[in-house]
Amino acid sequence: MKFKSLIFIALVVLVSACNSANKSDSADKKEITIAYVDGWAEGVAMTYVTKHIFQDQGYTVETKTAAVDLVFASLANGDVDVFMDAWLPITHKEKVAKFESNIESLGTNLDQARIGLVVPTYVTINSIEELNGVANKFDGKLIGIEKGAGITAKTELAIEEYKLNLEQMNSSSIAMLTMLTKAIKEERWIAVAGWAPHWKFGRYDLKFLDDPKGIYGAAEHVETYARKDFKKDDVFAATYFANFHLNDGQIGQLLAHMKEGSDNKDAAAKSWIAENQDLVKEWLPKAEK
């Protein structure tokens, strides 16, 4: 009986040790969920690059795509960890304010960004104030993107403030780009709700219409936002996002690279990382280089 008791005790100790080890392994497991809005080229590019950098660091990375309102709500609820495409101080001001007690900024990714109405350079007007005089050339339409987007709200405000005789047609970022491409091929007049940086400015000759009333704001910047307490929960990741930054030339090169490899975003991101190791090392926390 004593021998059997000793065996039982040994088994209990072994099982307990295994359970403790499993708990420890689980606690040490690195995971991150990154949200992005499909069709927002800069956000897609930054997300895919970050995804593969984190995988190289041993993380399990999940990416989720959703409309921007749902992205911010998911951050606030803790359903996703990070969103790399928050435009401030104008575009996403209201969305950030709505959830400010449950989300936190991790850093600025891009210093120079802009939103507004964009037309091909062959369009002979230069200001939003001139739109009513040539509304028929645009078929009475401004081509917008998703209804929940910040630029969509600003375009509605521009229609109101400038008393435009044009209607915003909303669909998706991808649909807007498709219509822009088709119009340019046919040399038709078109005005779209657009933003820079974006690969479309490298592919086509485009210009922003002047905005004398400042509806769309001046230059913006793009930040990474995270769920509350993310900085405390994952110091390594938070440090990476604080370090992450692209200048105008770097984001332009990245967007062109991702567009060329758009059929396989993962492969395009991996090849960009391989070609830009010095920059990637600047983003990684020093202890992990």
Protein backbone atom coordinates (compact mmCIF):
# COMPACT_ATOMS: atom_id res chain seq x y z
CA MET A 1 0.00 0.00 0.00
CA LYS A 2 2.82 2.37 0.81
CA PHE A 3 4.37 1.66 -2.61
CA LYS A 4 1.05 2.38 -4.40
CA SER A 5 0.65 5.59 -2.42
CA LEU A 6 4.08 6.74 -3.46
CA ILE A 7 3.25 6.05 -7.11
CA PHE A 8 0.00 8.03 -6.81
CA ILE A 9 1.78 10.98 -5.21
CA ALA A 10 4.44 10.91 -7.93
CA LEU A 11 1.77 10.96 -10.62
CA VAL A 12 0.01 13.91 -8.98
CA VAL A 13 3.29 15.83 -8.79
CA LEU A 14 4.06 15.02 -12.45
CA VAL A 15 0.62 16.13 -13.66
CA SER A 16 0.85 19.32 -11.60
CA ALA A 17 4.25 20.07 -13.05
CA CYS A 18 2.96 19.54 -16.58
CA ASN A 19 -0.02 21.80 -15.94
CA SER A 20 2.25 24.50 -14.54
CA ALA A 21 4.51 24.20 -17.57
CA ASN A 22 1.54 24.47 -19.92
CA LYS A 23 0.29 27.56 -18.09
CA SER A 24 3.75 29.08 -18.30
CA ASP A 25 3.97 28.32 -22.02
CA SER A 26 0.52 29.85 -22.53
CA ALA A 27 1.50 32.97 -20.58
CA ASP A 28 4.65 33.33 -22.68
CA LYS A 29 2.82 32.89 -25.97
CA LYS A 30 2.94 36.10 -28.04
CA GLU A 31 -0.19 37.00 -29.95
CA ILE A 32 -1.47 40.17 -31.62
CA THR A 33 -4.54 41.06 -33.66
CA ILE A 34 -4.25 43.96 -36.11
CA ALA A 35 -7.27 45.56 -37.78
CA TYR A 36 -7.30 47.40 -41.09
CA VAL A 37 -9.79 48.83 -43.59
CA ASP A 38 -9.64 47.05 -46.93
CA GLY A 39 -8.90 49.46 -49.76
CA TRP A 40 -7.04 51.98 -47.58
CA ALA A 41 -3.71 51.39 -49.29
CA GLU A 42 -1.39 52.87 -46.66
CA GLY A 43 -3.09 50.96 -43.84
CA VAL A 44 -3.04 47.67 -45.75
CA ALA A 45 0.66 48.12 -46.54
CA MET A 46 1.70 49.02 -42.99
CA THR A 47 -0.38 46.17 -41.56
CA TYR A 48 1.03 43.48 -43.82
CA VAL A 49 4.61 44.62 -43.25
CA THR A 50 4.06 44.64 -39.49
CA LYS A 51 2.35 41.25 -39.63
CA HIS A 52 5.44 39.59 -41.09
CA ILE A 53 7.89 41.48 -38.88
CA PHE A 54 6.00 40.23 -35.82
CA GLN A 55 5.82 36.68 -37.18
CA ASP A 56 9.60 36.79 -37.56
CA GLN A 57 9.73 37.73 -33.86
CA GLY A 58 7.72 34.64 -32.88
CA TYR A 59 4.25 36.17 -32.70
CA THR A 60 1.02 34.60 -33.83
CA VAL A 61 -0.55 37.40 -35.84
CA GLU A 62 -4.19 37.68 -36.84
CA THR A 63 -5.39 40.43 -39.18
CA LYS A 64 -9.02 41.51 -39.39
CA THR A 65 -10.63 43.81 -41.93
CA ALA A 66 -13.73 45.89 -41.20
CA ALA A 67 -15.32 49.28 -41.78
CA VAL A 68 -13.60 52.01 -39.82
CA ASP A 69 -16.45 52.49 -37.31
CA LEU A 70 -16.32 48.80 -36.44
CA VAL A 71 -12.53 48.93 -36.17
CA PHE A 72 -12.64 51.66 -33.52
CA ALA A 73 -15.47 49.90 -31.67
CA SER A 74 -13.49 46.64 -31.72
CA LEU A 75 -10.45 48.42 -30.31
CA ALA A 76 -12.54 49.88 -27.51
CA ASN A 77 -14.06 46.48 -26.75
CA GLY A 78 -10.67 44.77 -26.74
CA ASP A 79 -11.63 42.50 -29.65
CA VAL A 80 -8.58 43.68 -31.61
CA ASP A 81 -5.27 45.03 -30.36
CA VAL A 82 -4.07 47.58 -32.88
CA PHE A 83 -5.15 49.80 -35.81
CA MET A 84 -2.36 51.53 -37.76
CA ASP A 85 -4.41 53.97 -39.85
CA ALA A 86 -5.99 56.64 -37.62
CA TRP A 87 -5.94 60.03 -39.39
CA LEU A 88 -5.73 63.11 -37.18
CA PRO A 89 -6.47 65.83 -36.27
CA ILE A 90 -9.47 66.05 -38.64
CA THR A 91 -10.55 62.82 -40.34
CA HIS A 92 -10.98 60.53 -37.33
CA LYS A 93 -11.29 63.19 -34.63
CA GLU A 94 -14.86 62.25 -33.68
CA LYS A 95 -14.18 58.51 -33.71
CA VAL A 96 -11.15 58.86 -31.42
CA ALA A 97 -13.09 61.17 -29.09
CA LYS A 98 -15.98 58.70 -28.89
CA PHE A 99 -13.76 55.91 -27.56
CA GLU A 100 -10.91 57.88 -25.97
CA SER A 101 -11.30 56.28 -22.53
CA ASN A 102 -10.79 52.78 -23.98
CA ILE A 103 -8.13 53.32 -26.63
CA GLU A 104 -4.61 54.73 -26.62
CA SER A 105 -2.20 56.16 -29.18
CA LEU A 106 1.07 54.29 -29.70
CA GLY A 107 2.80 56.69 -32.06
CA THR A 108 2.83 58.55 -35.37
CA ASN A 109 3.45 56.51 -38.53
CA LEU A 110 3.26 59.23 -41.20
CA ASP A 111 3.81 62.96 -40.73
CA GLN A 112 2.34 64.29 -43.96
CA ALA A 113 -1.10 63.18 -45.08
CA ARG A 114 -4.02 64.93 -46.74
CA ILE A 115 -7.67 64.36 -47.64
CA GLY A 116 -9.91 66.23 -50.06
CA LEU A 117 -11.53 66.20 -53.47
CA VAL A 118 -9.17 64.87 -56.13
CA VAL A 119 -9.42 65.26 -59.91
CA PRO A 120 -7.20 64.35 -62.88
CA THR A 121 -4.89 67.19 -63.88
CA TYR A 122 -6.65 67.53 -67.25
CA VAL A 123 -9.70 68.85 -65.36
CA THR A 124 -9.47 72.60 -65.88
CA ILE A 125 -10.82 73.81 -62.52
CA ASN A 126 -8.63 74.15 -59.43
CA SER A 127 -11.01 74.90 -56.55
CA ILE A 128 -14.08 73.37 -54.93
CA GLU A 129 -15.71 76.79 -55.39
CA GLU A 130 -15.67 76.22 -59.17
CA LEU A 131 -17.55 72.91 -59.09
CA ASN A 132 -21.07 74.28 -59.50
CA GLY A 133 -20.17 75.99 -62.76
CA VAL A 134 -19.14 72.67 -64.31
CA ALA A 135 -21.37 70.25 -62.37
CA ASN A 136 -22.69 68.75 -65.61
CA LYS A 137 -19.18 67.69 -66.61
CA PHE A 138 -19.11 65.53 -63.46
CA ASP A 139 -22.65 64.22 -64.12
CA GLY A 140 -23.64 65.95 -60.89
CA LYS A 141 -21.67 63.40 -58.83
CA LEU A 142 -18.73 63.27 -56.42
CA ILE A 143 -17.41 59.74 -56.09
CA GLY A 144 -17.00 58.83 -52.43
CA ILE A 145 -15.96 55.76 -50.45
CA GLU A 146 -17.55 53.95 -47.49
CA LYS A 147 -20.37 55.77 -45.70
CA GLY A 148 -18.72 55.51 -42.27
CA ALA A 149 -15.37 56.97 -43.36
CA GLY A 150 -14.23 60.32 -42.00
CA ILE A 151 -13.65 61.69 -45.50
CA THR A 152 -17.25 60.82 -46.36
CA ALA A 153 -18.56 63.04 -43.56
CA LYS A 154 -16.22 65.85 -44.62
CA THR A 155 -17.43 65.60 -48.22
CA GLU A 156 -21.04 65.89 -47.09
CA LEU A 157 -20.03 68.97 -45.08
CA ALA A 158 -18.26 70.40 -48.14
CA ILE A 159 -21.43 69.93 -50.22
CA GLU A 160 -23.36 71.83 -47.56
CA GLU A 161 -20.85 74.61 -46.90
CA TYR A 162 -20.06 75.28 -50.56
CA LYS A 163 -23.73 74.78 -51.52
CA LEU A 164 -22.71 72.34 -54.23
CA ASN A 165 -25.17 71.10 -56.80
CA LEU A 166 -23.52 67.68 -56.74
CA GLU A 167 -24.32 64.49 -54.86
CA GLN A 168 -21.83 62.22 -53.16
CA MET A 169 -22.06 58.63 -54.44
CA ASN A 170 -20.81 56.18 -51.80
CA SER A 171 -19.64 52.63 -52.29
CA SER A 172 -16.14 51.50 -51.31
CA SER A 173 -12.53 52.60 -51.66
CA ILE A 174 -11.93 49.89 -54.24
CA ALA A 175 -15.00 50.91 -56.26
CA MET A 176 -13.88 54.55 -56.18
CA LEU A 177 -10.47 53.61 -57.55
CA THR A 178 -12.04 51.47 -60.27
CA MET A 179 -14.24 54.37 -61.38
CA LEU A 180 -11.28 56.77 -61.28
CA THR A 181 -9.17 54.46 -63.43
CA LYS A 182 -11.96 53.99 -65.98
CA ALA A 183 -12.65 57.74 -66.21
CA ILE A 184 -8.96 58.54 -66.76
CA LYS A 185 -8.70 55.95 -69.53
CA GLU A 186 -11.68 57.59 -71.21
CA GLU A 187 -10.44 61.11 -70.37
CA ARG A 188 -13.71 61.95 -68.65
CA TRP A 189 -14.07 64.45 -65.83
CA ILE A 190 -14.33 62.87 -62.40
CA ALA A 191 -13.96 64.12 -58.82
CA VAL A 192 -13.31 61.62 -56.03
CA ALA A 193 -12.95 61.75 -52.28
CA GLY A 194 -9.23 61.02 -52.12
CA TRP A 195 -6.23 61.03 -49.84
CA ALA A 196 -2.46 61.03 -49.93
CA PRO A 197 -0.23 59.18 -49.51
CA HIS A 198 -1.72 56.69 -51.95
CA TRP A 199 -0.37 54.77 -54.94
CA LYS A 200 -2.88 56.50 -57.26
CA PHE A 201 -0.76 59.68 -57.15
CA GLY A 202 2.23 57.74 -58.46
CA ARG A 203 0.24 56.04 -61.23
CA TYR A 204 -1.95 58.94 -62.44
CA ASP A 205 -1.57 62.71 -62.85
CA LEU A 206 -3.90 63.98 -60.12
CA LYS A 207 -4.44 67.13 -58.07
CA PHE A 208 -6.39 68.18 -55.01
CA LEU A 209 -8.98 70.89 -55.54
CA ASP A 210 -8.29 73.94 -53.39
CA ASP A 211 -10.46 74.11 -50.28
CA PRO A 212 -10.71 77.82 -49.27
CA LYS A 213 -13.13 77.07 -46.41
CA GLY A 214 -10.77 74.49 -44.91
CA ILE A 215 -13.44 71.78 -44.70
CA TYR A 216 -10.92 68.99 -45.18
CA GLY A 217 -8.30 70.57 -42.95
CA ALA A 218 -4.65 71.12 -43.65
CA ALA A 219 -1.94 68.47 -43.46
CA GLU A 220 -2.78 65.51 -41.25
CA HIS A 221 -0.74 62.73 -39.72
CA VAL A 222 -1.43 59.01 -39.30
CA GLU A 223 -1.20 57.29 -35.92
CA THR A 224 -1.41 53.77 -34.53
CA TYR A 225 -4.14 53.28 -31.93
CA ALA A 226 -4.50 50.31 -29.58
CA ARG A 227 -6.93 48.95 -27.04
CA LYS A 228 -6.62 50.24 -23.47
CA ASP A 229 -3.64 48.85 -21.49
CA PHE A 230 -1.94 47.46 -24.61
CA LYS A 231 1.26 49.34 -23.72
CA LYS A 232 1.33 47.60 -20.36
CA ASP A 233 0.35 44.16 -21.69
CA ASP A 234 2.91 44.00 -24.51
CA VAL A 235 5.90 46.28 -23.99
CA PHE A 236 7.79 44.84 -26.96
CA ALA A 237 4.95 45.48 -29.43
CA ALA A 238 4.17 48.90 -27.97
CA THR A 239 7.82 49.90 -28.38
CA TYR A 240 7.81 48.70 -31.99
CA PHE A 241 4.75 50.83 -32.80
CA ALA A 242 6.28 53.83 -31.05
CA ASN A 243 9.39 53.42 -33.24
CA PHE A 244 7.49 52.73 -36.47
CA HIS A 245 7.72 55.69 -38.84
CA LEU A 246 7.89 56.23 -42.60
CA ASN A 247 8.89 59.44 -44.37
CA ASP A 248 7.33 60.57 -47.66
CA GLY A 249 9.84 58.70 -49.81
CA GLN A 250 9.59 55.49 -47.81
CA ILE A 251 5.78 55.32 -47.81
CA GLY A 252 5.75 56.10 -51.54
CA GLN A 253 8.17 53.27 -52.22
CA LEU A 254 6.23 50.88 -49.99
CA LEU A 255 2.89 51.70 -51.63
CA ALA A 256 4.33 51.22 -55.12
CA HIS A 257 5.87 47.92 -54.04
CA MET A 258 2.62 46.65 -52.53
CA LYS A 259 0.61 47.73 -55.58
CA GLU A 260 2.95 45.82 -57.88
CA GLY A 261 2.52 42.74 -55.70
CA SER A 262 -1.16 43.24 -54.95
CA ASP A 263 -2.06 39.71 -56.09
CA ASN A 264 -0.04 38.39 -53.12
CA LYS A 265 0.20 40.96 -50.33
CA ASP A 266 2.08 38.59 -48.01
CA ALA A 267 4.83 37.96 -50.57
CA ALA A 268 5.04 41.67 -51.40
CA ALA A 269 5.40 42.58 -47.71
CA LYS A 270 8.08 39.93 -47.16
CA SER A 271 10.15 41.12 -50.12
CA TRP A 272 9.88 44.75 -48.98
CA ILE A 273 11.08 43.75 -45.51
CA ALA A 274 14.03 41.89 -47.03
CA GLU A 275 15.00 44.99 -49.00
CA ASN A 276 14.64 47.36 -46.02
CA GLN A 277 16.29 45.55 -43.13
CA ASP A 278 18.08 48.65 -41.81
CA LEU A 279 14.75 50.44 -41.41
CA VAL A 280 13.08 47.41 -39.82
CA LYS A 281 15.91 47.19 -37.27
CA GLU A 282 15.23 50.80 -36.28
CA TRP A 283 11.66 49.87 -35.41
CA LEU A 284 12.46 46.81 -33.32
CA PRO A 285 13.25 47.29 -29.61
CA LYS A 286 17.02 47.32 -29.20
CA ALA A 287 17.17 44.28 -26.93
CA GLU A 288 15.46 42.21 -29.60
CA LYS A 289 17.60 43.21 -32.58
